């Protein structure tokens, strides 16, 4: 199996929707290094194919990662890509289930990182995840969430941004990028991923989708969860990188 090809395919599909995706990762990892040094212990939350951990190790080779997700297909790609790498451990867990963090061990994390994943959760379970994360971090540790956080108070600006994004997507598709649905069709056509694909579909096909919450909602829920300080490290029209410090 060419796991690297799947990683690159995933990246191109995600960049179709987020042309500034790498800039978000740069901001996140700069904060991790500033707060946790050269060898941080990181929780890669809702890790998908391991995108964050790949970039973490490229920047900080002495870092270690515990990567958590529930999607069998994306976890298979992640495990295959990191096969033999002792710096990363994978845990299968559903963030909406009580006790999801039980398999992470007792050692605290320097940072918890997640990107474009938390908006899949409903508001109440997401707020609970914020509460669950606080005791997993060492004092001074950081939780960094890069996600869709649109501002409902700026509908005209949001419309302009939507037009910009459509134009970007048209150019990307013309250059061969796959969208979300097309990418999953390709996964389903790969006979080596038949079991994982079927398992993913059984989990997600009938799942009620979450709704992205505004930036102020995230800041308020993180404060309520008990974080000492919360703020914004990066912002576009509809997305943000939010940082919460224990």
Protein backbone atom coordinates (compact mmCIF):
# COMPACT_ATOMS: atom_id res chain seq x y z
CA UNK A 1 0.00 0.00 0.00
CA UNK A 2 1.33 3.45 -0.93
CA UNK A 3 0.38 5.29 2.25
CA UNK A 4 2.32 8.38 1.22
CA UNK A 5 0.15 8.73 -1.86
CA UNK A 6 -2.97 8.66 0.30
CA UNK A 7 -1.45 11.28 2.61
CA UNK A 8 -0.77 13.57 -0.33
CA UNK A 9 -4.24 12.94 -1.72
CA UNK A 10 -5.77 13.84 1.65
CA UNK A 11 -3.73 17.05 1.81
CA UNK A 12 -4.85 18.15 -1.65
CA UNK A 13 -8.48 17.42 -0.82
CA UNK A 14 -8.28 19.44 2.40
CA UNK A 15 -6.47 22.33 0.70
CA UNK A 16 -9.38 22.56 -1.72
CA UNK A 17 -11.38 23.97 1.19
CA UNK A 18 -8.53 25.64 3.11
CA UNK A 19 -5.86 27.26 0.93
CA UNK A 20 -4.25 28.71 4.08
CA UNK A 21 -4.09 25.33 5.81
CA UNK A 22 -0.30 25.21 6.13
CA UNK A 23 -0.24 28.69 7.64
CA UNK A 24 -2.54 27.47 10.39
CA UNK A 25 -0.23 24.57 11.12
CA UNK A 26 2.77 26.91 11.22
CA UNK A 27 1.07 29.10 13.83
CA UNK A 28 0.05 26.08 15.90
CA UNK A 29 3.51 24.54 15.94
CA UNK A 30 5.25 27.81 16.74
CA UNK A 31 3.07 28.02 19.84
CA UNK A 32 3.83 24.41 20.76
CA UNK A 33 7.56 25.01 20.50
CA UNK A 34 7.35 28.27 22.45
CA UNK A 35 5.39 26.68 25.28
CA UNK A 36 6.71 23.12 25.27
CA UNK A 37 10.26 23.33 23.96
CA UNK A 38 11.95 20.99 21.49
CA UNK A 39 10.56 17.70 22.78
CA UNK A 40 6.91 18.24 23.73
CA UNK A 41 4.46 15.47 24.45
CA UNK A 42 1.46 16.18 22.22
CA UNK A 43 -2.09 14.86 21.98
CA UNK A 44 -3.15 14.87 18.32
CA UNK A 45 -6.90 15.04 18.85
CA UNK A 46 -9.20 13.71 16.10
CA UNK A 47 -5.97 13.03 14.24
CA UNK A 48 -7.39 11.78 10.94
CA UNK A 49 -4.50 10.66 8.76
CA UNK A 50 -1.96 12.10 11.21
CA UNK A 51 -1.55 15.42 9.44
CA UNK A 52 -0.62 17.38 12.55
CA UNK A 53 1.79 14.74 13.85
CA UNK A 54 3.60 14.65 10.49
CA UNK A 55 4.19 18.38 10.65
CA UNK A 56 5.03 18.22 14.36
CA UNK A 57 7.83 15.72 13.72
CA UNK A 58 9.11 17.68 10.73
CA UNK A 59 9.52 20.76 12.92
CA UNK A 60 10.36 19.09 16.24
CA UNK A 61 11.92 15.66 15.61
CA UNK A 62 12.24 14.95 19.35
CA UNK A 63 8.51 15.41 19.98
CA UNK A 64 6.19 12.52 20.81
CA UNK A 65 2.52 12.19 19.91
CA UNK A 66 -0.54 10.27 21.04
CA UNK A 67 -2.95 10.34 18.10
CA UNK A 68 -6.65 9.78 18.78
CA UNK A 69 -9.48 9.21 16.30
CA UNK A 70 -12.46 6.96 15.68
CA UNK A 71 -12.46 6.75 11.87
CA UNK A 72 -11.14 3.29 10.84
CA UNK A 73 -10.11 4.43 7.35
CA UNK A 74 -8.19 7.52 8.40
CA UNK A 75 -6.55 5.65 11.27
CA UNK A 76 -5.44 2.91 8.87
CA UNK A 77 -3.77 5.53 6.70
CA UNK A 78 -2.16 7.14 9.71
CA UNK A 79 -0.86 3.86 11.13
CA UNK A 80 0.46 2.81 7.75
CA UNK A 81 2.23 6.12 7.23
CA UNK A 82 3.94 6.01 10.64
CA UNK A 83 4.71 2.30 10.66
CA UNK A 84 7.82 1.74 12.79
CA UNK A 85 7.96 5.29 14.15
CA UNK A 86 8.30 4.95 17.92
CA UNK A 87 7.46 8.60 18.50
CA UNK A 88 3.73 8.10 17.91
CA UNK A 89 1.05 5.98 19.56
CA UNK A 90 -2.48 5.55 18.19
CA UNK A 91 -5.64 5.28 20.28
CA UNK A 92 -9.11 4.56 18.91
CA UNK A 93 -11.68 6.59 20.86
CA UNK A 94 -14.99 8.37 20.34
CA UNK A 95 -14.77 11.87 21.80
CA UNK A 96 -18.52 11.90 22.39
CA UNK A 97 -18.34 8.87 24.69
CA UNK A 98 -17.77 9.37 28.44
CA UNK A 99 -14.33 8.18 29.45
CA UNK A 100 -12.86 8.54 25.97
CA UNK A 101 -9.53 9.70 27.46
CA UNK A 102 -9.04 6.61 29.64
CA UNK A 103 -6.54 5.04 27.25
CA UNK A 104 -4.18 8.01 27.09
CA UNK A 105 -2.10 7.22 30.16
CA UNK A 106 -1.37 9.29 33.22
CA UNK A 107 1.50 11.44 31.90
CA UNK A 108 0.30 14.99 31.18
CA UNK A 109 0.58 16.57 27.76
CA UNK A 110 2.42 19.75 26.89
CA UNK A 111 -0.07 20.47 24.12
CA UNK A 112 -3.34 19.22 22.66
CA UNK A 113 -3.72 20.02 18.97
CA UNK A 114 -6.67 19.60 16.65
CA UNK A 115 -7.59 21.00 13.25
CA UNK A 116 -10.84 21.11 11.27
CA UNK A 117 -12.42 18.38 13.36
CA UNK A 118 -14.26 19.76 16.37
CA UNK A 119 -17.05 21.27 14.25
CA UNK A 120 -18.24 17.71 13.59
CA UNK A 121 -19.39 17.51 17.23
CA UNK A 122 -22.66 18.82 18.58
CA UNK A 123 -22.29 21.80 20.95
CA UNK A 124 -22.90 19.94 24.21
CA UNK A 125 -20.42 17.11 23.57
CA UNK A 126 -17.86 19.61 22.30
CA UNK A 127 -18.13 21.69 25.46
CA UNK A 128 -17.65 18.47 27.45
CA UNK A 129 -14.51 17.66 25.45
CA UNK A 130 -13.10 21.05 26.46
CA UNK A 131 -13.72 20.16 30.09
CA UNK A 132 -12.19 16.69 29.60
CA UNK A 133 -9.02 18.18 28.13
CA UNK A 134 -8.10 20.45 31.03
CA UNK A 135 -6.75 17.73 33.39
CA UNK A 136 -4.83 16.11 30.52
CA UNK A 137 -2.57 19.17 30.21
CA UNK A 138 0.29 20.10 32.49
CA UNK A 139 0.06 23.55 34.13
CA UNK A 140 0.95 26.03 31.39
CA UNK A 141 0.12 23.51 28.67
CA UNK A 142 -1.85 24.62 25.64
CA UNK A 143 -4.93 23.44 23.80
CA UNK A 144 -4.93 24.73 20.21
CA UNK A 145 -7.94 24.33 17.95
CA UNK A 146 -7.92 25.40 14.30
CA UNK A 147 -11.43 25.19 12.91
CA UNK A 148 -14.38 26.83 11.20
CA UNK A 149 -15.69 29.57 13.49
CA UNK A 150 -17.89 31.85 11.38
CA UNK A 151 -19.21 35.14 12.69
CA UNK A 152 -23.00 35.33 12.31
CA UNK A 153 -22.81 39.11 12.77
CA UNK A 154 -20.99 39.63 9.44
CA UNK A 155 -23.25 38.07 6.79
CA UNK A 156 -22.11 40.35 3.97
CA UNK A 157 -18.45 39.69 4.68
CA UNK A 158 -19.17 35.98 4.94
CA UNK A 159 -20.81 36.10 1.51
CA UNK A 160 -17.75 37.77 0.03
CA UNK A 161 -15.52 35.12 1.55
CA UNK A 162 -17.76 32.38 0.18
CA UNK A 163 -17.31 33.85 -3.30
CA UNK A 164 -13.54 33.89 -2.84
CA UNK A 165 -13.56 30.28 -1.67
CA UNK A 166 -15.68 29.16 -4.63
CA UNK A 167 -13.21 30.74 -7.04
CA UNK A 168 -10.30 29.01 -5.29
CA UNK A 169 -12.08 25.67 -5.44
CA UNK A 170 -12.80 26.04 -9.14
CA UNK A 171 -9.10 26.63 -9.83
CA UNK A 172 -8.09 23.73 -7.58
CA UNK A 173 -10.54 21.33 -9.24
CA UNK A 174 -9.26 22.40 -12.66
CA UNK A 175 -5.79 21.42 -11.42
CA UNK A 176 -7.04 17.96 -10.43
CA UNK A 177 -7.99 18.34 -6.76
CA UNK A 178 -10.70 16.02 -5.44
CA UNK A 179 -13.49 17.25 -3.21
CA UNK A 180 -14.61 15.46 -0.04
CA UNK A 181 -17.13 13.16 -1.73
CA UNK A 182 -14.84 12.33 -4.66
CA UNK A 183 -12.01 11.49 -2.30
CA UNK A 184 -14.16 9.02 -0.39
CA UNK A 185 -15.30 7.43 -3.66
CA UNK A 186 -11.63 6.79 -4.45
CA UNK A 187 -11.12 5.27 -1.00
CA UNK A 188 -14.10 2.99 -1.53
CA UNK A 189 -12.64 1.81 -4.83
CA UNK A 190 -9.38 0.68 -3.19
CA UNK A 191 -9.74 -3.04 -2.47
CA UNK A 192 -7.04 -2.86 0.21
CA UNK A 193 -9.29 -0.54 2.26
CA UNK A 194 -12.60 -2.38 1.81
CA UNK A 195 -13.05 -3.33 5.46
CA UNK A 196 -11.96 0.05 6.80
CA UNK A 197 -14.16 1.92 4.35
CA UNK A 198 -17.22 -0.16 5.30
CA UNK A 199 -16.51 0.42 9.00
CA UNK A 200 -16.20 4.18 8.46
CA UNK A 201 -19.45 4.34 6.57
CA UNK A 202 -21.27 2.38 9.28
CA UNK A 203 -20.16 5.00 11.81
CA UNK A 204 -20.70 8.20 9.87
CA UNK A 205 -23.34 7.74 7.16
CA UNK A 206 -26.29 8.22 9.51
CA UNK A 207 -24.57 10.54 11.94
CA UNK A 208 -26.13 13.93 12.60
CA UNK A 209 -23.60 16.53 11.44
CA UNK A 210 -22.39 19.19 13.81
CA UNK A 211 -22.71 22.91 13.16
CA UNK A 212 -19.62 25.19 13.38
CA UNK A 213 -19.90 27.44 16.40
CA UNK A 214 -18.86 31.12 16.40
CA UNK A 215 -15.53 32.21 17.80
CA UNK A 216 -17.12 33.81 20.88
CA UNK A 217 -18.84 30.51 21.69
CA UNK A 218 -15.48 28.71 21.72
CA UNK A 219 -13.84 31.33 23.90
CA UNK A 220 -16.71 31.28 26.38
CA UNK A 221 -16.87 27.48 26.64
CA UNK A 222 -13.10 27.22 27.15
CA UNK A 223 -13.25 29.75 29.97
CA UNK A 224 -16.13 27.84 31.53
CA UNK A 225 -14.05 24.65 31.27
CA UNK A 226 -11.50 26.27 33.59
CA UNK A 227 -8.65 27.34 31.31
CA UNK A 228 -6.63 30.20 32.76
CA UNK A 229 -6.44 32.19 29.54
CA UNK A 230 -7.97 31.88 26.07
CA UNK A 231 -7.35 33.90 22.95
CA UNK A 232 -7.01 33.95 19.17
CA UNK A 233 -3.67 33.24 17.50
CA UNK A 234 -4.85 33.44 13.89
CA UNK A 235 -8.05 34.51 12.13
CA UNK A 236 -9.55 34.58 8.66
CA UNK A 237 -13.08 35.61 7.76
CA UNK A 238 -14.69 32.34 8.82
CA UNK A 239 -11.92 30.33 10.53
CA UNK A 240 -9.70 30.77 13.56
CA UNK A 241 -6.92 29.24 15.62
CA UNK A 242 -7.97 29.43 19.26
CA UNK A 243 -5.49 28.88 22.09
CA UNK A 244 -6.41 27.93 25.66
CA UNK A 245 -3.71 27.82 28.34
CA UNK A 246 -4.09 25.76 31.48
